[in-house]
Amino acid sequence: MGKSLRLTRIRNIDVKAHPTFLLALLWVIYYWGYAAGHGVQGVLFGVFILIAAFVSVVGHELAHCFVALRLGLKVHDITLLPIGGVARIEYVSLTPRQEIAIALAGPFLNLMVAGLLSPVIIGILVVRDFGDALSAFLVLQETGFSALIVHLWLVNVLLALFNLLPAFPMDGGRVMRAGFSMIWGRLQATKVAVLLGQGLAISLLLGGILLRDVSLPMVAAFILIAAYVEARMVHLENAMRTLPVGQFVLWDLGGVQPDSPLNYALRGGVRDVAVTVNGTVVGMLWQEAVHPLLNSASKLRVRDVMDTDVLTMDVDDSVYDVHRQMLTTGRPAIPITENGIYRGIFTTDRLIHVYRYLQSGKSPRERYRGFVEALGLAGR
């Protein structure tokens, strides 16, 4: 996404603006100041509309985020782009119903805002003696309070309707994907939703060329990129479900004992280390907890520092399931056991290697063999 400027923080969710957001500001200056012939007054009015529009966009994305948080998902941030906003949510093992709930939250909020503004717009029609509802759109050419309200209403309606289109990555595409996944499975459902998204993007691109509208090709590019990224992530997720984590763990000769001096436990450097007793994992030494204690490490033993609240997983568990547990617990590593006996540790670094090999285009057998040889684990 690139480096973005943080604007605010809402319920531990950073709201950022991408540098390309300035393109929207330049468009406002051109359209309302120059093309519409309103001068400085038009530019100021356009800026107000831009702020109102992106408040609506932030509200749309926050609605997604709040439902996701309620379902126990991790939300990173919201980034504003010239064509809308993107919320980074870690979708892990959602049911179709949960995915639908998250997807519909954004458009539902926009329709609520539009509904609340509708009586105000009706009041404007009555006061200004417009003959019908279509006449209200004449107000869009003005630069007053009435025009601002109508623009805000229109922005929320268009946000809801556009996002409800049944094409990925729109919210409607996510709803459709969730429905199809009940029949075909998540991978095939994603392929259909992405294909429809690509069709929508091509239509917008052609429409932008015919209408000589720069914004439509920008939206088309965003849809194509987002659809491609989502398709790749689902492919990776599907592949990770087939990979046993035992193929990718770091072997560390049985961990360390609780009674060992902390200095001994750190002989290979400060890192996340499993603590074991007779092969059974009883705790973890976390790098972040050990770092501040380096000066007094000679006086401490492992049991003084170790975390006893530790989760283990089996060598036959999939890389995907282990990754999901890492996200859920917020831990950078998980000890891996075989029949209850500690065998090694799976870390975020190993996960990066898994991603690289899955993206290399090799066959599963070649990926296994190359990965094991690269780590020097062959024959162990």
Protein backbone atom coordinates (compact mmCIF):
# COMPACT_ATOMS: atom_id res chain seq x y z
CA MET A 1 0.00 0.00 0.00
CA GLY A 2 2.98 2.30 0.43
CA LYS A 3 3.67 4.85 3.14
CA SER A 4 0.50 6.61 4.26
CA LEU A 5 -0.20 9.54 6.57
CA ARG A 6 -2.12 8.65 9.73
CA LEU A 7 -5.09 10.98 10.16
CA THR A 8 -6.67 9.60 13.33
CA ARG A 9 -7.22 6.46 15.40
CA ILE A 10 -10.67 5.03 16.18
CA ARG A 11 -10.98 2.07 18.58
CA ASN A 12 -7.32 1.14 17.93
CA ILE A 13 -7.87 1.30 14.16
CA ASP A 14 -5.56 3.70 12.33
CA VAL A 15 -7.23 5.79 9.63
CA LYS A 16 -4.66 6.79 7.00
CA ALA A 17 -4.54 8.72 3.76
CA HIS A 18 -2.45 7.38 0.89
CA PRO A 19 -0.30 9.98 -0.94
CA THR A 20 -2.39 9.40 -4.07
CA PHE A 21 -5.32 10.87 -2.12
CA LEU A 22 -3.99 14.23 -3.32
CA LEU A 23 -5.29 13.32 -6.79
CA ALA A 24 -8.83 13.66 -5.43
CA LEU A 25 -7.99 17.13 -4.11
CA LEU A 26 -6.53 18.17 -7.48
CA TRP A 27 -9.67 16.92 -9.22
CA VAL A 28 -11.83 18.98 -6.85
CA ILE A 29 -9.80 22.12 -7.58
CA TYR A 30 -10.09 21.52 -11.33
CA TYR A 31 -13.75 20.52 -11.45
CA TRP A 32 -15.32 22.95 -8.97
CA GLY A 33 -12.91 25.83 -9.47
CA TYR A 34 -12.11 25.78 -13.20
CA ALA A 35 -14.54 23.51 -15.14
CA ALA A 36 -17.64 24.62 -13.22
CA GLY A 37 -16.54 28.27 -13.28
CA HIS A 38 -17.16 28.88 -9.56
CA GLY A 39 -13.64 30.11 -8.75
CA VAL A 40 -12.41 30.11 -5.14
CA GLN A 41 -15.94 29.64 -3.79
CA GLY A 42 -16.30 26.52 -5.93
CA VAL A 43 -12.97 25.12 -4.72
CA LEU A 44 -13.96 25.62 -1.07
CA PHE A 45 -17.32 24.01 -1.71
CA GLY A 46 -15.63 21.11 -3.51
CA VAL A 47 -13.32 20.58 -0.55
CA PHE A 48 -16.35 20.40 1.78
CA ILE A 49 -17.91 17.79 -0.51
CA LEU A 50 -14.64 15.84 -0.59
CA ILE A 51 -14.43 15.82 3.21
CA ALA A 52 -18.08 14.77 3.51
CA ALA A 53 -17.59 12.02 0.93
CA PHE A 54 -14.57 10.55 2.64
CA VAL A 55 -16.22 10.73 6.05
CA SER A 56 -18.88 8.53 4.46
CA VAL A 57 -16.15 6.23 3.10
CA VAL A 58 -14.51 5.99 6.53
CA GLY A 59 -17.89 5.22 8.07
CA HIS A 60 -18.42 2.50 5.47
CA GLU A 61 -15.05 0.89 6.25
CA LEU A 62 -15.48 1.27 10.02
CA ALA A 63 -18.79 -0.60 9.77
CA HIS A 64 -16.88 -3.52 8.21
CA CYS A 65 -14.20 -3.26 10.89
CA PHE A 66 -16.56 -3.13 13.88
CA VAL A 67 -18.41 -6.25 12.76
CA ALA A 68 -15.07 -7.97 12.14
CA LEU A 69 -13.86 -7.02 15.63
CA ARG A 70 -17.06 -8.38 17.11
CA LEU A 71 -16.36 -11.68 15.36
CA GLY A 72 -12.87 -11.78 16.90
CA LEU A 73 -10.90 -10.80 13.79
CA LYS A 74 -7.86 -8.56 13.83
CA VAL A 75 -8.19 -5.19 12.07
CA HIS A 76 -5.01 -3.35 11.08
CA ASP A 77 -6.03 -0.04 9.55
CA ILE A 78 -8.12 1.87 7.04
CA THR A 79 -6.43 3.62 4.13
CA LEU A 80 -8.12 6.34 2.07
CA LEU A 81 -7.47 6.30 -1.68
CA PRO A 82 -8.68 8.68 -4.41
CA ILE A 83 -11.37 6.14 -5.36
CA GLY A 84 -12.48 5.11 -1.86
CA GLY A 85 -11.10 3.26 1.12
CA VAL A 86 -9.55 -0.10 2.01
CA ALA A 87 -9.81 -1.79 5.41
CA ARG A 88 -7.12 -4.37 6.19
CA ILE A 89 -8.88 -7.18 8.02
CA GLU A 90 -7.34 -10.59 8.69
CA TYR A 91 -9.99 -12.96 7.36
CA VAL A 92 -9.30 -16.32 9.00
CA SER A 93 -11.64 -19.28 8.88
CA LEU A 94 -14.85 -17.28 8.52
CA THR A 95 -18.14 -19.02 7.97
CA PRO A 96 -20.12 -17.81 4.92
CA ARG A 97 -22.67 -16.21 7.25
CA GLN A 98 -19.94 -14.23 9.06
CA GLU A 99 -18.41 -13.08 5.77
CA ILE A 100 -21.83 -11.90 4.59
CA ALA A 101 -22.36 -9.99 7.86
CA ILE A 102 -19.04 -8.16 7.47
CA ALA A 103 -19.62 -7.42 3.78
CA LEU A 104 -23.13 -6.00 4.22
CA ALA A 105 -22.23 -3.79 7.20
CA GLY A 106 -20.68 -1.06 5.03
CA PRO A 107 -23.51 -0.61 2.48
CA PHE A 108 -26.06 -0.88 5.29
CA LEU A 109 -24.47 2.10 7.08
CA ASN A 110 -24.49 4.16 3.88
CA LEU A 111 -28.16 3.38 3.27
CA MET A 112 -28.93 4.38 6.87
CA VAL A 113 -27.19 7.74 6.36
CA ALA A 114 -29.08 8.26 3.09
CA GLY A 115 -32.32 7.37 4.85
CA LEU A 116 -31.67 9.91 7.60
CA LEU A 117 -30.89 12.60 5.03
CA SER A 118 -34.00 11.87 2.94
CA PRO A 119 -36.42 13.91 5.13
CA VAL A 120 -34.00 16.87 4.92
CA ILE A 121 -33.97 16.61 1.12
CA ILE A 122 -37.77 16.37 1.05
CA GLY A 123 -37.87 19.53 3.18
CA ILE A 124 -35.59 21.27 0.69
CA LEU A 125 -37.90 20.24 -2.16
CA VAL A 126 -40.92 21.65 -0.30
CA VAL A 127 -39.28 24.91 0.77
CA ARG A 128 -37.83 25.60 -2.65
CA ASP A 129 -41.04 24.54 -4.41
CA PHE A 130 -39.53 21.90 -6.67
CA GLY A 131 -42.15 20.05 -8.67
CA ASP A 132 -40.64 16.56 -8.42
CA ALA A 133 -37.76 14.63 -6.86
CA LEU A 134 -35.70 14.73 -10.08
CA SER A 135 -35.65 18.51 -9.83
CA ALA A 136 -33.53 18.16 -6.70
CA PHE A 137 -30.60 17.16 -8.90
CA LEU A 138 -30.58 20.70 -10.29
CA VAL A 139 -29.26 21.68 -6.86
CA LEU A 140 -26.07 19.74 -7.63
CA GLN A 141 -24.95 22.64 -9.82
CA GLU A 142 -25.09 25.04 -6.87
CA THR A 143 -22.56 25.70 -4.11
CA GLY A 144 -24.78 26.15 -1.08
CA PHE A 145 -26.02 24.14 1.92
CA SER A 146 -28.78 22.45 -0.08
CA ALA A 147 -26.27 21.25 -2.67
CA LEU A 148 -24.00 19.88 0.07
CA ILE A 149 -26.85 17.83 1.58
CA VAL A 150 -27.90 16.46 -1.82
CA HIS A 151 -24.28 15.56 -2.65
CA LEU A 152 -23.86 13.79 0.69
CA TRP A 153 -27.10 11.84 0.12
CA LEU A 154 -26.01 10.92 -3.41
CA VAL A 155 -22.53 9.85 -2.27
CA ASN A 156 -23.96 7.44 0.31
CA VAL A 157 -26.50 5.99 -2.13
CA LEU A 158 -23.84 5.46 -4.80
CA LEU A 159 -21.41 3.98 -2.26
CA ALA A 160 -24.04 1.45 -1.20
CA LEU A 161 -25.18 0.56 -4.71
CA PHE A 162 -21.69 0.35 -6.20
CA ASN A 163 -20.40 -1.82 -3.37
CA LEU A 164 -23.41 -4.14 -3.68
CA LEU A 165 -22.48 -5.05 -7.26
CA PRO A 166 -22.02 -8.86 -7.40
CA ALA A 167 -18.38 -8.70 -8.46
CA PHE A 168 -15.20 -9.05 -6.44
CA PRO A 169 -13.74 -7.14 -4.56
CA MET A 170 -17.00 -5.25 -4.06
CA ASP A 171 -19.05 -6.13 -0.97
CA GLY A 172 -21.67 -7.70 -3.20
CA GLY A 173 -18.96 -9.92 -4.66
CA ARG A 174 -17.99 -11.05 -1.16
CA VAL A 175 -21.62 -11.87 -0.40
CA MET A 176 -21.86 -13.83 -3.64
CA ARG A 177 -18.57 -15.61 -2.92
CA ALA A 178 -19.83 -16.58 0.54
CA GLY A 179 -23.04 -17.97 -0.97
CA PHE A 180 -21.25 -19.91 -3.72
CA SER A 181 -18.71 -21.29 -1.23
CA MET A 182 -21.53 -23.25 0.42
CA ILE A 183 -21.98 -25.07 -2.89
CA TRP A 184 -18.59 -25.17 -4.62
CA GLY A 185 -16.07 -24.43 -1.89
CA ARG A 186 -14.17 -21.20 -1.20
CA LEU A 187 -11.57 -21.60 -3.96
CA GLN A 188 -14.02 -22.13 -6.83
CA ALA A 189 -16.39 -19.48 -5.45
CA THR A 190 -13.51 -16.97 -5.38
CA LYS A 191 -12.64 -17.77 -9.01
CA VAL A 192 -16.22 -16.98 -10.10
CA ALA A 193 -16.39 -13.77 -8.03
CA VAL A 194 -12.99 -12.60 -9.32
CA LEU A 195 -13.98 -13.36 -12.92
CA LEU A 196 -17.09 -11.19 -12.53
CA GLY A 197 -14.95 -8.50 -10.92
CA GLN A 198 -12.60 -8.53 -13.89
CA GLY A 199 -15.59 -8.22 -16.21
CA LEU A 200 -16.80 -5.19 -14.25
CA ALA A 201 -13.33 -3.63 -14.37
CA ILE A 202 -13.12 -4.06 -18.15
CA SER A 203 -16.57 -2.50 -18.52
CA LEU A 204 -15.53 0.49 -16.42
CA LEU A 205 -12.32 0.85 -18.41
CA LEU A 206 -14.18 0.88 -21.72
CA GLY A 207 -16.78 3.26 -20.28
CA GLY A 208 -14.03 5.61 -19.12
CA ILE A 209 -12.47 5.63 -22.59
CA LEU A 210 -15.79 6.27 -24.34
CA LEU A 211 -16.85 8.97 -21.88
CA ARG A 212 -13.34 10.39 -21.55
CA ASP A 213 -13.61 10.05 -17.78
CA VAL A 214 -10.30 9.52 -15.98
CA SER A 215 -11.90 8.28 -12.75
CA LEU A 216 -13.46 5.14 -14.28
CA PRO A 217 -10.13 3.64 -15.46
CA MET A 218 -8.71 4.35 -11.98
CA VAL A 219 -11.56 2.41 -10.38
CA ALA A 220 -11.07 -0.36 -12.95
CA ALA A 221 -7.37 -0.62 -12.10
CA PHE A 222 -8.17 -0.83 -8.39
CA ILE A 223 -10.72 -3.61 -8.97
CA LEU A 224 -8.31 -5.60 -11.15
CA ILE A 225 -5.47 -5.33 -8.62
CA ALA A 226 -7.65 -6.10 -5.61
CA ALA A 227 -9.28 -9.07 -7.35
CA TYR A 228 -5.87 -10.46 -8.35
CA VAL A 229 -4.48 -10.11 -4.82
CA GLU A 230 -7.53 -11.80 -3.29
CA ALA A 231 -7.37 -14.67 -5.79
CA ARG A 232 -3.68 -15.21 -4.99
CA MET A 233 -4.35 -15.16 -1.25
CA VAL A 234 -7.13 -17.73 -1.53
CA HIS A 235 -4.88 -19.95 -3.66
CA LEU A 236 -2.15 -19.66 -1.04
CA GLU A 237 -4.64 -20.36 1.75
CA ASN A 238 -5.89 -23.45 -0.08
CA ALA A 239 -2.32 -24.68 -0.64
CA MET A 240 -1.36 -24.03 3.00
CA ARG A 241 -4.23 -26.24 4.12
CA THR A 242 -2.53 -29.18 2.36
CA LEU A 243 0.94 -28.63 3.87
CA PRO A 244 1.75 -30.37 7.20
CA VAL A 245 3.60 -27.96 9.45
CA GLY A 246 6.08 -30.70 10.38
CA GLN A 247 7.74 -30.17 7.01
CA PHE A 248 8.64 -26.59 7.90
CA VAL A 249 9.55 -26.44 11.59
CA LEU A 250 12.92 -25.37 12.95
CA TRP A 251 14.47 -28.19 14.93
CA ASP A 252 16.31 -27.03 18.06
CA LEU A 253 17.38 -30.22 19.86
CA GLY A 254 14.60 -30.43 22.40
CA GLY A 255 14.33 -26.89 23.75
CA VAL A 256 15.68 -25.85 27.17
CA GLN A 257 14.97 -26.95 30.74
CA PRO A 258 13.15 -24.71 33.27
CA ASP A 259 16.05 -24.98 35.73
CA SER A 260 18.70 -24.02 33.17
CA PRO A 261 20.45 -20.67 33.61
CA LEU A 262 19.00 -18.02 31.33
CA ASN A 263 22.48 -17.43 29.89
CA TYR A 264 22.58 -21.06 28.77
CA ALA A 265 19.20 -20.80 27.12
CA LEU A 266 20.38 -17.76 25.14
CA ARG A 267 23.65 -19.31 23.97
CA GLY A 268 22.41 -19.31 20.38
CA GLY A 269 21.23 -15.71 20.57
CA VAL A 270 18.07 -14.01 21.78
CA ARG A 271 15.12 -15.74 20.13
CA ASP A 272 11.85 -17.50 20.90
CA VAL A 273 12.69 -20.80 22.62
CA ALA A 274 10.51 -23.69 23.82
CA VAL A 275 10.88 -24.85 27.44
CA THR A 276 10.46 -28.60 27.93
CA VAL A 277 10.51 -31.27 30.64
CA ASN A 278 11.11 -34.83 29.40
CA GLY A 279 10.03 -33.76 25.91
CA THR A 280 6.80 -32.09 27.06
CA VAL A 281 6.43 -28.36 26.36
CA VAL A 282 5.83 -26.50 29.63
CA GLY A 283 6.48 -22.93 28.52
CA MET A 284 8.09 -20.48 26.11
CA LEU A 285 10.88 -17.95 26.33
CA TRP A 286 9.76 -15.00 24.26
CA GLN A 287 12.40 -12.80 22.69
CA GLU A 288 10.50 -9.62 23.58
CA ALA A 289 10.40 -10.63 27.26
CA VAL A 290 14.07 -11.66 27.44
CA HIS A 291 15.59 -8.61 25.77
CA PRO A 292 15.15 -6.22 28.75
CA LEU A 293 16.74 -8.81 31.08
CA LEU A 294 20.03 -9.36 29.25
CA ASN A 295 22.10 -7.45 31.82
CA SER A 296 20.80 -9.65 34.65
CA ALA A 297 20.59 -12.92 32.69
CA SER A 298 23.42 -14.51 34.68
CA LYS A 299 21.33 -14.32 37.87
CA LEU A 300 18.12 -15.72 36.40
CA ARG A 301 16.90 -19.14 35.44
CA VAL A 302 14.56 -20.03 32.61
CA ARG A 303 11.60 -20.63 34.94
CA ASP A 304 11.89 -17.03 36.20
CA VAL A 305 11.13 -15.64 32.75
CA MET A 306 9.21 -18.29 30.82
CA ASP A 307 5.56 -17.97 29.82
CA THR A 308 3.61 -21.01 31.01
CA ASP A 309 0.49 -20.13 29.02
CA VAL A 310 1.62 -21.85 25.84
CA LEU A 311 -0.21 -23.47 22.95
CA THR A 312 1.28 -26.42 21.05
CA MET A 313 0.26 -27.96 17.73
CA ASP A 314 0.99 -31.31 16.08
CA VAL A 315 3.35 -32.00 13.18
CA ASP A 316 0.37 -33.18 11.10
CA ASP A 317 -1.57 -29.93 11.55
CA SER A 318 -1.61 -27.80 8.43
CA VAL A 319 0.48 -24.67 8.01
CA TYR A 320 -2.80 -22.78 7.58
CA ASP A 321 -4.16 -23.93 10.96
CA VAL A 322 -0.89 -23.04 12.70
CA HIS A 323 -0.85 -19.63 11.02
CA ARG A 324 -4.44 -19.04 12.14
CA GLN A 325 -3.49 -19.82 15.74
CA MET A 326 -0.55 -17.42 15.50
CA LEU A 327 -2.93 -14.67 14.37
CA THR A 328 -5.47 -15.52 17.06
CA THR A 329 -2.95 -15.59 19.92
CA GLY A 330 -0.74 -12.81 18.58
CA ARG A 331 2.34 -14.98 19.13
CA PRO A 332 5.30 -14.96 16.70
CA ALA A 333 5.97 -18.70 17.15
CA ILE A 334 4.27 -21.96 18.11
CA PRO A 335 6.03 -25.11 19.41
CA ILE A 336 5.25 -28.21 17.36
CA THR A 337 4.90 -31.69 18.89
CA GLU A 338 4.58 -35.27 17.66
CA ASN A 339 2.50 -37.57 19.87
CA GLY A 340 2.92 -35.00 22.64
CA ILE A 341 6.73 -34.86 22.34
CA TYR A 342 8.35 -31.57 21.32
CA ARG A 343 9.92 -31.64 17.85
CA GLY A 344 10.52 -28.04 16.82
CA ILE A 345 9.17 -24.53 16.50
CA PHE A 346 7.28 -22.78 13.72
CA THR A 347 7.95 -19.05 13.44
CA THR A 348 6.81 -16.12 11.31
CA ASP A 349 10.12 -16.43 9.41
CA ARG A 350 9.16 -19.98 8.40
CA LEU A 351 5.81 -18.68 7.22
CA ILE A 352 7.56 -16.25 4.89
CA HIS A 353 9.52 -19.16 3.39
CA VAL A 354 6.30 -21.10 2.91
CA TYR A 355 4.79 -18.15 1.01
CA ARG A 356 7.87 -17.87 -1.21
CA TYR A 357 7.87 -21.52 -2.15
CA LEU A 358 4.15 -21.63 -2.78
CA GLN A 359 4.51 -18.67 -5.13
CA SER A 360 7.45 -20.18 -6.99
CA GLY A 361 5.23 -22.20 -9.34
CA LYS A 362 6.89 -25.53 -8.54
CA SER A 363 5.05 -28.79 -8.08
CA PRO A 364 4.18 -29.78 -4.46
CA ARG A 365 6.89 -32.47 -4.48
CA GLU A 366 9.51 -30.03 -5.74
CA ARG A 367 8.43 -27.46 -3.13
CA TYR A 368 8.77 -29.99 -0.32
CA ARG A 369 12.16 -31.25 -1.45
CA GLY A 370 13.59 -27.81 -2.22
CA PHE A 371 12.35 -26.33 1.04
CA VAL A 372 13.71 -29.17 3.16
CA GLU A 373 17.09 -29.09 1.39
CA ALA A 374 17.32 -25.30 1.72
CA LEU A 375 16.86 -25.57 5.49
CA GLY A 376 19.36 -28.40 5.76
CA LEU A 377 16.69 -30.70 7.21
CA ALA A 378 16.89 -33.51 4.66
CA GLY A 379 17.54 -36.86 6.28
CA ARG A 380 16.81 -35.71 9.83
